Amino acid sequence: MTRTVWISHPVVVFILSVLALGTSLFLYIYWYIGVSAGLKAMVKRFELDPSQVLEPQTWVVILVLSILVGVILLGIFTIYAYNRKILQLYRLQHNFINNFTHELKTPVTSLKLFLETMEKHQLERKEQTRYIGYMIQDVNRLSEHINRILDLARLESRNYETVFEATDAAEAVQRFLEENAGMFRNSTVRIHPQKNGRYPVLLDRTLFDMLLVNLVANAMHHNRSSTPEVDIRVCRSGRSVEIRLTDNGVGLEKKDLRRVFRKFYQAERAEDRSTGGTGIGLHLVQSIAKLHGGKVSADSPGPGKGSTFTLSLPLAD
């Protein structure tokens, strides 16, 4: 049973296919050269006309055959690469389903427990208010996950109508912080004054707010400190405007700096095993950045040392 599974593994099948094709080409050339040598010896022995026995295009045939084999090898490699990508996507989707189910089940279980407690016991108004506060947090958590799924579906279906307006980057961030102050009740979010005047960029306000929500939520979610902190800086870099969000969270390993923006990907953080997540937020950030003609990147000194996410947008004329 184990031996059959081992032989049917895609990597083993790919290697065996390449070896079989290469061996076939080698044996054919070896046989062809042997036959040609025999014909030459016969022509010399019986003093025959070489043009009547030997084909002058011998090496042309070998060259064409080699090219065809190369094309076949390229096709096999392409099929293998796509197969590996499909398997990787399947694993990511499988992990996403498991994690997303957990992310939905946890607040639902918590809500059920609070409601059953309030139904069975006569609680004082103070206790009722406290339980209601917990339930509101769970509802907000559910809404956050559901909205991310819906937003990603809308963006990937390309049915979202964007409306871009020239806006100062720092003012857009400041407005976002003021309008969403409730998100940061248990954390510290600071925006540092910009230098050298205004930096206008073309923004879709709804999408830009969605991008910042996911970046700030990511900084708070993957954070083990008693008070999560996020420092936001706006600066100019050539013909681009950079918005940098630096947090005091669990940080990232070097191998995860680019992978964190992949759909469903979740970095394995040694200090962050209990936080969960869906692997959608940062992918959504990247998608929104591309719609604005920009890009987003991640940097981190290492695990436990925080992270910096940089959004780069083209400067408006």
Protein backbone atom coordinates (compact mmCIF):
# COMPACT_ATOMS: atom_id res chain seq x y z
CA MET A 1 0.00 0.00 0.00
CA THR A 2 2.73 2.45 1.02
CA ARG A 3 4.85 1.45 -1.97
CA THR A 4 1.97 2.11 -4.41
CA VAL A 5 1.37 5.59 -2.93
CA TRP A 6 5.10 6.37 -3.13
CA ILE A 7 5.28 5.42 -6.82
CA SER A 8 2.18 7.45 -7.70
CA HIS A 9 3.51 10.62 -6.08
CA PRO A 10 3.61 13.51 -8.64
CA VAL A 11 7.31 14.20 -8.04
CA VAL A 12 8.23 10.53 -8.62
CA VAL A 13 6.05 10.34 -11.75
CA PHE A 14 7.65 13.54 -13.08
CA ILE A 15 11.20 12.27 -12.50
CA LEU A 16 10.47 8.86 -14.03
CA SER A 17 8.85 10.49 -17.09
CA VAL A 18 11.86 12.72 -17.68
CA LEU A 19 14.29 9.82 -17.22
CA ALA A 20 12.30 7.60 -19.60
CA LEU A 21 12.16 10.27 -22.29
CA GLY A 22 15.84 11.14 -21.92
CA THR A 23 16.82 7.48 -22.06
CA SER A 24 14.73 6.94 -25.19
CA LEU A 25 16.44 9.86 -26.93
CA PHE A 26 19.90 8.60 -25.91
CA LEU A 27 19.20 5.03 -27.11
CA TYR A 28 17.80 6.27 -30.42
CA ILE A 29 20.85 8.45 -31.10
CA TYR A 30 23.14 5.62 -30.03
CA TRP A 31 21.34 3.19 -32.34
CA TYR A 32 21.28 5.70 -35.21
CA ILE A 33 25.00 6.37 -34.95
CA GLY A 34 25.70 2.62 -34.80
CA VAL A 35 23.62 1.95 -37.91
CA SER A 36 25.30 4.83 -39.77
CA ALA A 37 28.74 3.48 -38.90
CA GLY A 38 27.73 0.03 -40.19
CA LEU A 39 26.45 1.50 -43.45
CA LYS A 40 29.63 3.47 -43.94
CA ALA A 41 31.69 0.32 -43.48
CA MET A 42 29.51 -1.54 -46.00
CA VAL A 43 29.80 1.30 -48.55
CA LYS A 44 33.57 1.30 -48.21
CA ARG A 45 33.83 -2.48 -48.47
CA PHE A 46 31.69 -2.88 -51.58
CA GLU A 47 32.68 0.49 -53.12
CA LEU A 48 29.10 1.74 -53.35
CA ASP A 49 27.89 5.26 -54.00
CA PRO A 50 27.51 6.90 -50.52
CA SER A 51 24.71 9.17 -51.73
CA GLN A 52 22.60 6.11 -52.58
CA VAL A 53 23.00 4.52 -49.14
CA LEU A 54 23.61 7.23 -46.57
CA GLU A 55 21.25 10.12 -45.91
CA PRO A 56 23.09 13.46 -45.79
CA GLN A 57 20.57 14.87 -43.27
CA THR A 58 21.58 12.54 -40.44
CA TRP A 59 22.41 15.26 -37.93
CA VAL A 60 19.45 17.35 -39.07
CA VAL A 61 17.16 14.47 -38.11
CA ILE A 62 18.88 14.15 -34.73
CA LEU A 63 18.61 17.91 -34.14
CA VAL A 64 14.88 17.98 -34.98
CA LEU A 65 14.28 14.97 -32.78
CA SER A 66 16.14 16.63 -29.91
CA ILE A 67 14.03 19.78 -30.29
CA LEU A 68 10.81 17.76 -30.23
CA VAL A 69 11.94 15.92 -27.11
CA GLY A 70 12.79 19.28 -25.52
CA VAL A 71 9.28 20.54 -26.26
CA ILE A 72 7.81 17.39 -24.72
CA LEU A 73 10.00 17.88 -21.63
CA LEU A 74 8.85 21.49 -21.37
CA GLY A 75 5.23 20.33 -21.57
CA ILE A 76 5.77 17.73 -18.86
CA PHE A 77 7.45 20.32 -16.63
CA THR A 78 4.60 22.81 -17.20
CA ILE A 79 1.99 20.21 -16.28
CA TYR A 80 4.01 19.31 -13.20
CA ALA A 81 4.33 22.96 -12.13
CA TYR A 82 0.59 23.59 -12.52
CA ASN A 83 -0.16 20.40 -10.63
CA ARG A 84 2.02 21.56 -7.74
CA LYS A 85 0.29 24.96 -7.71
CA ILE A 86 -3.13 23.31 -7.66
CA LEU A 87 -2.08 21.10 -4.75
CA GLN A 88 -0.71 24.13 -2.89
CA LEU A 89 -3.93 26.06 -3.49
CA TYR A 90 -5.94 23.07 -2.28
CA ARG A 91 -3.94 22.95 0.95
CA LEU A 92 -4.36 26.70 1.46
CA GLN A 93 -8.10 26.47 0.88
CA HIS A 94 -8.33 23.50 3.22
CA ASN A 95 -6.51 25.44 5.94
CA PHE A 96 -8.69 28.48 5.26
CA ILE A 97 -11.89 26.46 5.67
CA ASN A 98 -10.66 24.98 8.95
CA ASN A 99 -9.50 28.32 10.33
CA PHE A 100 -12.50 30.26 9.09
CA THR A 101 -14.85 27.68 10.60
CA HIS A 102 -13.02 28.10 13.90
CA GLU A 103 -13.20 31.90 13.63
CA LEU A 104 -16.97 31.68 13.12
CA LYS A 105 -17.63 28.95 15.66
CA THR A 106 -15.81 30.66 18.53
CA PRO A 107 -17.92 33.87 18.68
CA VAL A 108 -21.14 31.92 17.99
CA THR A 109 -20.39 29.60 20.92
CA SER A 110 -19.59 32.60 23.09
CA LEU A 111 -22.84 34.35 22.11
CA LYS A 112 -24.84 31.22 22.87
CA LEU A 113 -23.23 30.92 26.31
CA PHE A 114 -23.95 34.55 27.22
CA LEU A 115 -27.55 34.34 26.02
CA GLU A 116 -28.20 31.10 27.93
CA THR A 117 -26.72 32.66 31.06
CA MET A 118 -28.97 35.73 30.75
CA GLU A 119 -31.99 33.51 30.12
CA LYS A 120 -31.48 31.22 33.12
CA HIS A 121 -30.34 33.77 35.70
CA GLN A 122 -31.64 37.07 36.96
CA LEU A 123 -28.62 39.32 36.51
CA GLU A 124 -28.09 42.80 37.80
CA ARG A 125 -28.05 45.63 35.31
CA LYS A 126 -24.28 45.96 35.68
CA GLU A 127 -23.74 42.29 34.81
CA GLN A 128 -26.20 42.50 31.91
CA THR A 129 -24.32 45.49 30.49
CA ARG A 130 -21.02 43.63 30.78
CA TYR A 131 -22.40 40.55 29.01
CA ILE A 132 -23.99 42.69 26.29
CA GLY A 133 -20.61 44.33 25.73
CA TYR A 134 -19.02 40.90 25.25
CA MET A 135 -21.75 39.90 22.80
CA ILE A 136 -21.29 43.10 20.80
CA GLN A 137 -17.58 42.28 20.51
CA ASP A 138 -18.43 38.80 19.22
CA VAL A 139 -20.93 40.21 16.72
CA ASN A 140 -18.35 42.73 15.50
CA ARG A 141 -15.85 39.89 15.09
CA LEU A 142 -18.33 37.90 13.00
CA SER A 143 -19.15 40.96 10.89
CA GLU A 144 -15.47 41.62 10.29
CA HIS A 145 -14.84 38.12 8.91
CA ILE A 146 -17.99 38.09 6.78
CA ASN A 147 -17.25 41.55 5.35
CA ARG A 148 -13.76 40.48 4.36
CA ILE A 149 -15.13 37.53 2.41
CA LEU A 150 -17.74 39.71 0.68
CA ASP A 151 -15.23 42.48 -0.10
CA LEU A 152 -12.75 40.03 -1.59
CA ALA A 153 -15.49 38.44 -3.71
CA ARG A 154 -16.57 41.85 -5.02
CA LEU A 155 -13.03 42.88 -5.91
CA GLU A 156 -12.14 39.61 -7.62
CA SER A 157 -15.37 39.58 -9.61
CA ARG A 158 -14.42 43.09 -10.88
CA ASN A 159 -17.94 44.33 -10.29
CA TYR A 160 -16.79 47.03 -7.89
CA GLU A 161 -17.17 50.54 -9.29
CA THR A 162 -14.27 52.69 -8.14
CA VAL A 163 -14.46 56.46 -7.73
CA PHE A 164 -11.03 58.09 -7.41
CA GLU A 165 -10.53 61.57 -6.03
CA ALA A 166 -7.36 63.58 -5.46
CA THR A 167 -6.83 63.57 -1.69
CA ASP A 168 -3.95 64.42 0.61
CA ALA A 169 -2.63 61.12 1.95
CA ALA A 170 -2.08 62.31 5.52
CA GLU A 171 -5.51 63.93 5.68
CA ALA A 172 -7.13 60.71 4.43
CA VAL A 173 -5.39 58.70 7.16
CA GLN A 174 -6.30 61.28 9.83
CA ARG A 175 -9.94 61.25 8.77
CA PHE A 176 -9.97 57.45 8.90
CA LEU A 177 -8.57 57.45 12.46
CA GLU A 178 -11.14 60.00 13.63
CA GLU A 179 -14.10 58.20 12.07
CA ASN A 180 -13.01 54.78 13.36
CA ALA A 181 -11.78 55.74 16.81
CA GLY A 182 -13.93 52.97 18.32
CA MET A 183 -11.64 50.37 16.79
CA PHE A 184 -8.68 51.60 18.83
CA ARG A 185 -10.16 51.81 22.33
CA ASN A 186 -7.71 49.27 23.77
CA SER A 187 -4.71 50.30 21.67
CA THR A 188 -2.60 53.29 20.69
CA VAL A 189 -2.57 54.50 17.10
CA ARG A 190 -0.46 57.56 16.29
CA ILE A 191 0.00 59.47 13.04
CA HIS A 192 3.18 61.51 12.84
CA PRO A 193 3.08 64.93 11.15
CA GLN A 194 4.27 64.96 7.56
CA LYS A 195 6.97 67.26 6.31
CA ASN A 196 7.37 69.36 3.17
CA GLY A 197 3.71 70.11 2.46
CA ARG A 198 0.87 68.05 1.05
CA TYR A 199 1.09 64.73 -0.83
CA PRO A 200 -1.97 64.32 -3.07
CA VAL A 201 -2.91 60.83 -4.27
CA LEU A 202 -5.90 59.44 -6.16
CA LEU A 203 -8.01 57.44 -3.69
CA ASP A 204 -11.27 55.59 -3.65
CA ARG A 205 -12.39 56.53 -0.14
CA THR A 206 -14.29 53.33 0.58
CA LEU A 207 -11.51 51.06 -0.64
CA PHE A 208 -8.82 53.09 1.11
CA ASP A 209 -10.68 52.86 4.42
CA MET A 210 -11.08 49.12 3.84
CA LEU A 211 -7.33 48.82 3.26
CA LEU A 212 -6.45 50.72 6.46
CA VAL A 213 -8.98 48.72 8.49
CA ASN A 214 -7.31 45.48 7.48
CA LEU A 215 -3.77 46.76 8.10
CA VAL A 216 -4.60 48.15 11.55
CA ALA A 217 -6.67 45.07 12.46
CA ASN A 218 -3.77 42.86 11.42
CA ALA A 219 -1.37 44.84 13.65
CA MET A 220 -3.71 44.47 16.63
CA HIS A 221 -4.68 40.88 15.97
CA HIS A 222 -1.12 39.56 15.84
CA ASN A 223 0.01 41.30 18.98
CA ARG A 224 0.88 39.89 22.40
CA SER A 225 1.65 43.15 24.22
CA SER A 226 -0.73 44.59 26.81
CA THR A 227 -1.27 47.70 24.68
CA PRO A 228 -0.96 47.25 20.89
CA GLU A 229 0.71 50.23 19.26
CA VAL A 230 0.69 51.39 15.64
CA ASP A 231 2.75 54.34 14.37
CA ILE A 232 1.72 55.76 10.99
CA ARG A 233 4.04 57.91 8.92
CA VAL A 234 3.39 59.56 5.56
CA CYS A 235 6.36 60.54 3.42
CA ARG A 236 7.37 61.05 -0.20
CA SER A 237 9.70 58.73 -2.11
CA GLY A 238 10.41 59.98 -5.64
CA ARG A 239 7.13 60.06 -7.55
CA SER A 240 5.36 57.98 -4.90
CA VAL A 241 3.79 58.58 -1.51
CA GLU A 242 4.52 56.01 1.18
CA ILE A 243 2.23 55.29 4.13
CA ARG A 244 4.10 53.20 6.71
CA LEU A 245 2.40 51.40 9.58
CA THR A 246 4.81 50.13 12.24
CA ASP A 247 3.49 47.97 15.10
CA ASN A 248 4.85 46.32 18.23
CA GLY A 249 3.39 42.93 17.34
CA VAL A 250 4.83 39.46 17.04
CA GLY A 251 6.80 40.23 13.89
CA LEU A 252 7.53 38.07 10.85
CA GLU A 253 10.24 35.74 9.70
CA LYS A 254 12.14 36.63 6.54
CA LYS A 255 10.55 33.81 4.53
CA ASP A 256 7.06 35.17 5.27
CA LEU A 257 7.60 38.80 4.19
CA ARG A 258 6.23 38.19 0.69
CA ARG A 259 4.06 35.17 1.34
CA VAL A 260 1.75 36.96 3.81
CA PHE A 261 0.00 38.69 0.90
CA ARG A 262 -1.00 35.41 -0.74
CA LYS A 263 -4.63 34.40 -0.52
CA PHE A 264 -5.36 32.15 2.49
CA TYR A 265 -1.67 32.18 3.55
CA GLN A 266 -0.98 32.36 7.29
CA ALA A 267 2.50 32.80 8.69
CA GLU A 268 3.50 30.36 11.41
CA ARG A 269 4.34 32.65 14.29
CA ALA A 270 5.86 30.92 17.32
CA GLU A 271 4.48 33.58 19.68
CA ASP A 272 1.10 33.78 18.02
CA ARG A 273 -0.39 30.30 17.96
CA SER A 274 -3.72 31.21 19.54
CA THR A 275 -4.75 34.19 17.42
CA GLY A 276 -6.16 32.30 14.44
CA GLY A 277 -7.05 34.28 11.33
CA THR A 278 -8.35 33.61 7.84
CA GLY A 279 -5.45 34.63 5.58
CA ILE A 280 -7.65 37.08 3.66
CA GLY A 281 -6.96 40.51 5.19
CA LEU A 282 -3.49 41.17 3.75
CA HIS A 283 -4.43 39.66 0.39
CA LEU A 284 -7.33 42.11 0.31
CA VAL A 285 -4.88 44.93 1.13
CA GLN A 286 -2.69 43.94 -1.81
CA SER A 287 -5.66 43.78 -4.18
CA ILE A 288 -6.82 47.27 -3.17
CA ALA A 289 -3.29 48.67 -3.52
CA LYS A 290 -3.10 47.32 -7.09
CA LEU A 291 -6.45 48.93 -7.95
CA HIS A 292 -4.88 52.25 -6.90
CA GLY A 293 -1.84 51.62 -9.09
CA GLY A 294 0.34 51.06 -6.02
CA LYS A 295 1.86 48.23 -4.05
CA VAL A 296 2.26 47.08 -0.47
CA SER A 297 5.26 45.45 1.16
CA ALA A 298 6.16 44.03 4.57
CA ASP A 299 9.32 44.29 6.64
CA SER A 300 10.26 42.99 10.08
CA PRO A 301 13.46 42.76 12.16
CA GLY A 302 12.34 39.27 13.14
CA PRO A 303 9.90 37.36 15.37
CA GLY A 304 8.87 39.31 18.47
CA LYS A 305 10.18 42.62 17.09
CA GLY A 306 7.15 44.06 15.33
CA SER A 307 6.44 44.65 11.65
CA THR A 308 6.24 47.53 9.19
CA PHE A 309 3.78 47.51 6.31
CA THR A 310 4.43 50.11 3.61
CA LEU A 311 1.76 51.22 1.17
CA SER A 312 3.23 52.98 -1.87
CA LEU A 313 0.88 55.04 -4.06
CA PRO A 314 1.69 57.13 -7.15
CA LEU A 315 1.76 60.86 -6.54
CA ALA A 316 -1.14 62.64 -8.24
CA ASP A 317 -0.29 65.37 -10.77
